[in-house]
Amino acid sequence: MRPVIGSHPAVITYDEDTPQLGVQLVEPAKLGPAAAAAFKAPILLDDFDFKLDDEFARRFGASMLSLIALGQPGIKHFMSVRLYPLDSSGNRQVTDDD
């Protein structure tokens, strides 16, 4: 029987032996205790004007890879991502934080 996808949290892993990324959907009740004690970094959508566009996805993906690399630095060998925003031409966008 095929699992129901619904509102299950996604867990992203990196297997250094294969090397491959894995995505698993976990039943919320089974993840509960582990998630309660885990590091949390809220991503406030209003900081992005509630736009889940290509630029948001690029930065979100780069952030997830960077988080994985904190515990498994071997993945850095494959990474060439930038965390800062890009303009429509692909150049670094100047922000108030610069």
N, C-alpha and C. Protein backbone atom coordinates (compact mmCIF):
# COMPACT_ATOMS: atom_id res chain seq x y z
N MET A 1 0.85 -1.19 0.00
CA MET A 1 0.00 0.00 0.00
C MET A 1 0.89 1.25 0.00
N ARG A 2 0.52 2.19 -0.80
CA ARG A 2 1.27 3.44 -0.92
C ARG A 2 0.98 4.34 0.28
N PRO A 3 2.03 4.95 0.88
CA PRO A 3 1.80 5.81 2.05
C PRO A 3 1.07 7.10 1.67
N VAL A 4 0.30 7.61 2.60
CA VAL A 4 -0.39 8.88 2.41
C VAL A 4 0.62 10.00 2.63
N ILE A 5 0.68 10.94 1.71
CA ILE A 5 1.67 11.99 1.81
C ILE A 5 1.19 13.12 2.72
N GLY A 6 0.03 13.64 2.56
CA GLY A 6 -0.58 14.61 3.47
C GLY A 6 0.37 15.61 4.12
N SER A 7 0.12 15.89 5.38
CA SER A 7 0.87 16.93 6.09
C SER A 7 2.00 16.33 6.93
N HIS A 8 2.85 15.56 6.31
CA HIS A 8 3.97 14.94 7.01
C HIS A 8 5.22 15.81 6.89
N PRO A 9 5.94 15.99 7.99
CA PRO A 9 7.20 16.73 7.91
C PRO A 9 8.21 15.98 7.03
N ALA A 10 9.05 16.74 6.36
CA ALA A 10 10.10 16.16 5.52
C ALA A 10 11.42 16.17 6.28
N VAL A 11 12.14 15.07 6.20
CA VAL A 11 13.46 14.94 6.80
C VAL A 11 14.45 14.74 5.66
N ILE A 12 15.49 15.57 5.63
CA ILE A 12 16.49 15.51 4.57
C ILE A 12 17.77 14.94 5.16
N THR A 13 18.32 13.92 4.52
CA THR A 13 19.56 13.30 4.99
C THR A 13 20.57 13.24 3.86
N TYR A 14 21.83 13.08 4.25
CA TYR A 14 22.91 12.90 3.28
C TYR A 14 23.67 11.65 3.68
N ASP A 15 23.81 10.73 2.74
CA ASP A 15 24.55 9.49 2.95
C ASP A 15 25.91 9.63 2.29
N GLU A 16 26.95 9.74 3.10
CA GLU A 16 28.30 9.96 2.57
C GLU A 16 28.82 8.74 1.80
N ASP A 17 28.34 7.55 2.13
CA ASP A 17 28.86 6.33 1.49
C ASP A 17 28.42 6.21 0.04
N THR A 18 27.20 6.68 -0.30
CA THR A 18 26.70 6.42 -1.65
C THR A 18 27.12 7.44 -2.71
N PRO A 19 27.42 8.67 -2.60
CA PRO A 19 26.83 9.75 -1.84
C PRO A 19 25.49 10.16 -2.46
N GLN A 20 24.51 10.36 -1.59
CA GLN A 20 23.20 10.78 -2.08
C GLN A 20 22.42 11.48 -0.98
N LEU A 21 21.54 12.36 -1.41
CA LEU A 21 20.60 13.01 -0.50
C LEU A 21 19.33 12.17 -0.45
N GLY A 22 18.70 12.15 0.69
CA GLY A 22 17.45 11.43 0.84
C GLY A 22 16.39 12.32 1.46
N VAL A 23 15.17 12.16 1.04
CA VAL A 23 14.04 12.90 1.62
C VAL A 23 13.04 11.86 2.08
N GLN A 24 12.66 11.97 3.33
CA GLN A 24 11.68 11.07 3.90
C GLN A 24 10.53 11.88 4.49
N LEU A 25 9.32 11.40 4.29
CA LEU A 25 8.16 11.99 4.94
C LEU A 25 7.85 11.15 6.17
N VAL A 26 7.73 11.80 7.32
CA VAL A 26 7.59 11.10 8.59
C VAL A 26 6.25 11.45 9.22
N GLU A 27 5.62 10.45 9.80
CA GLU A 27 4.37 10.70 10.52
C GLU A 27 4.66 11.65 11.68
N PRO A 28 3.89 12.72 11.81
CA PRO A 28 4.16 13.71 12.87
C PRO A 28 4.26 13.10 14.27
N ALA A 29 3.42 12.12 14.59
CA ALA A 29 3.45 11.52 15.93
C ALA A 29 4.77 10.81 16.20
N LYS A 30 5.38 10.22 15.16
CA LYS A 30 6.64 9.51 15.34
C LYS A 30 7.83 10.48 15.44
N LEU A 31 7.68 11.64 14.87
CA LEU A 31 8.75 12.63 14.88
C LEU A 31 8.68 13.52 16.12
N GLY A 32 7.54 13.60 16.75
CA GLY A 32 7.27 14.51 17.86
C GLY A 32 8.36 14.69 18.88
N PRO A 33 8.75 13.64 19.63
CA PRO A 33 9.76 13.81 20.68
C PRO A 33 11.11 14.30 20.14
N ALA A 34 11.53 13.79 19.01
CA ALA A 34 12.81 14.21 18.44
C ALA A 34 12.74 15.66 17.99
N ALA A 35 11.64 16.04 17.37
CA ALA A 35 11.49 17.42 16.87
C ALA A 35 11.41 18.42 18.02
N ALA A 36 10.79 18.02 19.13
CA ALA A 36 10.64 18.92 20.27
C ALA A 36 12.00 19.32 20.85
N ALA A 37 12.96 18.42 20.79
CA ALA A 37 14.28 18.68 21.36
C ALA A 37 15.29 19.17 20.32
N ALA A 38 14.89 19.28 19.07
CA ALA A 38 15.81 19.61 17.98
C ALA A 38 15.99 21.12 17.83
N PHE A 39 17.08 21.48 17.17
CA PHE A 39 17.36 22.86 16.80
C PHE A 39 16.25 23.36 15.87
N LYS A 40 15.75 24.55 16.11
CA LYS A 40 14.74 25.14 15.24
C LYS A 40 15.22 26.50 14.75
N ALA A 41 14.99 26.74 13.50
CA ALA A 41 15.31 28.03 12.89
C ALA A 41 14.11 28.46 12.08
N PRO A 42 13.23 29.27 12.65
CA PRO A 42 12.05 29.67 11.91
C PRO A 42 12.41 30.52 10.68
N ILE A 43 11.71 30.28 9.61
CA ILE A 43 11.87 31.06 8.39
C ILE A 43 10.56 31.82 8.22
N LEU A 44 10.61 33.09 8.51
CA LEU A 44 9.42 33.92 8.49
C LEU A 44 9.08 34.32 7.05
N LEU A 45 7.95 33.88 6.59
CA LEU A 45 7.58 34.14 5.20
C LEU A 45 7.37 35.61 4.92
N ASP A 46 6.98 36.39 5.94
CA ASP A 46 6.81 37.82 5.68
C ASP A 46 8.15 38.50 5.39
N ASP A 47 9.28 37.90 5.82
CA ASP A 47 10.60 38.43 5.45
C ASP A 47 10.84 38.33 3.95
N PHE A 48 10.09 37.46 3.28
CA PHE A 48 10.20 37.25 1.85
C PHE A 48 8.95 37.73 1.11
N ASP A 49 8.19 38.61 1.75
CA ASP A 49 6.94 39.13 1.19
C ASP A 49 6.00 38.01 0.76
N PHE A 50 6.06 36.89 1.48
CA PHE A 50 5.21 35.73 1.23
C PHE A 50 5.34 35.21 -0.21
N LYS A 51 6.54 35.39 -0.79
CA LYS A 51 6.80 34.92 -2.16
C LYS A 51 7.69 33.68 -2.09
N LEU A 52 7.12 32.55 -2.37
CA LEU A 52 7.90 31.31 -2.43
C LEU A 52 8.26 31.06 -3.89
N ASP A 53 9.16 31.91 -4.39
CA ASP A 53 9.53 31.90 -5.80
C ASP A 53 10.87 31.18 -6.00
N ASP A 54 11.42 31.27 -7.21
CA ASP A 54 12.68 30.61 -7.53
C ASP A 54 13.82 31.08 -6.63
N GLU A 55 13.88 32.38 -6.37
CA GLU A 55 14.95 32.93 -5.54
C GLU A 55 14.83 32.41 -4.11
N PHE A 56 13.61 32.35 -3.58
CA PHE A 56 13.41 31.79 -2.24
C PHE A 56 13.86 30.32 -2.23
N ALA A 57 13.43 29.56 -3.23
CA ALA A 57 13.78 28.13 -3.28
C ALA A 57 15.30 27.94 -3.39
N ARG A 58 15.97 28.77 -4.15
CA ARG A 58 17.43 28.68 -4.29
C ARG A 58 18.11 28.93 -2.95
N ARG A 59 17.69 29.98 -2.26
CA ARG A 59 18.30 30.31 -0.97
C ARG A 59 17.94 29.29 0.10
N PHE A 60 16.71 28.79 0.06
CA PHE A 60 16.28 27.77 1.02
C PHE A 60 17.09 26.50 0.82
N GLY A 61 17.23 26.08 -0.41
CA GLY A 61 18.02 24.88 -0.71
C GLY A 61 19.48 25.05 -0.30
N ALA A 62 20.06 26.21 -0.57
CA ALA A 62 21.44 26.48 -0.17
C ALA A 62 21.59 26.44 1.34
N SER A 63 20.59 26.95 2.04
CA SER A 63 20.62 26.92 3.50
C SER A 63 20.54 25.49 4.04
N MET A 64 19.68 24.68 3.44
CA MET A 64 19.55 23.28 3.89
C MET A 64 20.85 22.52 3.65
N LEU A 65 21.48 22.73 2.50
CA LEU A 65 22.76 22.08 2.23
C LEU A 65 23.83 22.54 3.22
N SER A 66 23.82 23.82 3.56
CA SER A 66 24.79 24.35 4.52
C SER A 66 24.58 23.75 5.90
N LEU A 67 23.32 23.55 6.28
CA LEU A 67 23.04 22.91 7.57
C LEU A 67 23.53 21.46 7.58
N ILE A 68 23.30 20.75 6.50
CA ILE A 68 23.79 19.38 6.41
C ILE A 68 25.32 19.37 6.52
N ALA A 69 25.97 20.33 5.87
CA ALA A 69 27.44 20.39 5.86
C ALA A 69 28.02 20.66 7.24
N LEU A 70 27.25 21.24 8.15
CA LEU A 70 27.75 21.46 9.51
C LEU A 70 28.08 20.14 10.19
N GLY A 71 27.26 19.13 9.96
CA GLY A 71 27.47 17.83 10.57
C GLY A 71 28.18 16.84 9.69
N GLN A 72 28.14 17.07 8.40
CA GLN A 72 28.76 16.15 7.44
C GLN A 72 29.54 16.97 6.42
N PRO A 73 30.71 17.46 6.81
CA PRO A 73 31.47 18.36 5.94
C PRO A 73 31.90 17.77 4.61
N GLY A 74 31.82 16.46 4.44
CA GLY A 74 32.18 15.85 3.17
C GLY A 74 31.32 16.31 2.01
N ILE A 75 30.12 16.78 2.30
CA ILE A 75 29.22 17.23 1.22
C ILE A 75 29.71 18.55 0.61
N LYS A 76 30.53 19.30 1.34
CA LYS A 76 31.03 20.59 0.83
C LYS A 76 31.79 20.42 -0.48
N HIS A 77 32.39 19.24 -0.65
CA HIS A 77 33.14 18.95 -1.88
C HIS A 77 32.26 19.10 -3.12
N PHE A 78 30.96 18.85 -2.97
CA PHE A 78 30.02 18.90 -4.10
C PHE A 78 29.29 20.24 -4.21
N MET A 79 29.44 21.10 -3.22
CA MET A 79 28.63 22.32 -3.15
C MET A 79 29.31 23.51 -3.83
N SER A 80 28.52 24.27 -4.56
CA SER A 80 28.96 25.56 -5.10
C SER A 80 27.72 26.47 -5.12
N VAL A 81 27.23 26.76 -3.93
CA VAL A 81 26.01 27.56 -3.78
C VAL A 81 26.32 28.86 -3.05
N ARG A 82 25.46 29.82 -3.25
CA ARG A 82 25.59 31.11 -2.58
C ARG A 82 24.35 31.34 -1.72
N LEU A 83 24.56 31.83 -0.51
CA LEU A 83 23.44 32.07 0.39
C LEU A 83 22.82 33.45 0.19
N TYR A 84 23.55 34.37 -0.40
CA TYR A 84 23.04 35.72 -0.56
C TYR A 84 22.09 35.80 -1.77
N PRO A 85 21.21 36.79 -1.77
CA PRO A 85 20.24 36.92 -2.86
C PRO A 85 20.90 37.35 -4.18
N LEU A 86 20.30 36.88 -5.28
CA LEU A 86 20.77 37.25 -6.61
C LEU A 86 19.71 38.12 -7.29
N ASP A 87 20.15 39.06 -8.14
CA ASP A 87 19.18 39.84 -8.90
C ASP A 87 18.76 39.05 -10.14
N SER A 88 17.93 39.64 -10.97
CA SER A 88 17.41 38.93 -12.14
C SER A 88 18.49 38.55 -13.15
N SER A 89 19.67 39.19 -13.07
CA SER A 89 20.78 38.88 -13.97
C SER A 89 21.72 37.84 -13.38
N GLY A 90 21.45 37.39 -12.16
CA GLY A 90 22.30 36.40 -11.52
C GLY A 90 23.46 37.00 -10.76
N ASN A 91 23.45 38.32 -10.57
CA ASN A 91 24.50 38.99 -9.82
C ASN A 91 24.07 39.18 -8.37
N ARG A 92 25.06 39.32 -7.47
CA ARG A 92 24.73 39.50 -6.07
C ARG A 92 23.88 40.74 -5.88
N GLN A 93 22.78 40.57 -5.18
CA GLN A 93 21.87 41.68 -4.91
C GLN A 93 22.32 42.38 -3.63
N VAL A 94 22.44 43.69 -3.68
CA VAL A 94 22.82 44.46 -2.50
C VAL A 94 21.60 44.55 -1.59
N THR A 95 21.81 44.26 -0.29
CA THR A 95 20.71 44.32 0.68
C THR A 95 21.07 45.30 1.78
N ASP A 96 20.13 45.56 2.64
CA ASP A 96 20.36 46.44 3.78
C ASP A 96 21.40 45.86 4.74
N ASP A 97 21.60 44.54 4.71
CA ASP A 97 22.55 43.88 5.60
C ASP A 97 23.99 44.03 5.14
N ASP A 98 24.22 44.47 3.87
CA ASP A 98 25.58 44.60 3.34
C ASP A 98 26.27 45.85 3.87
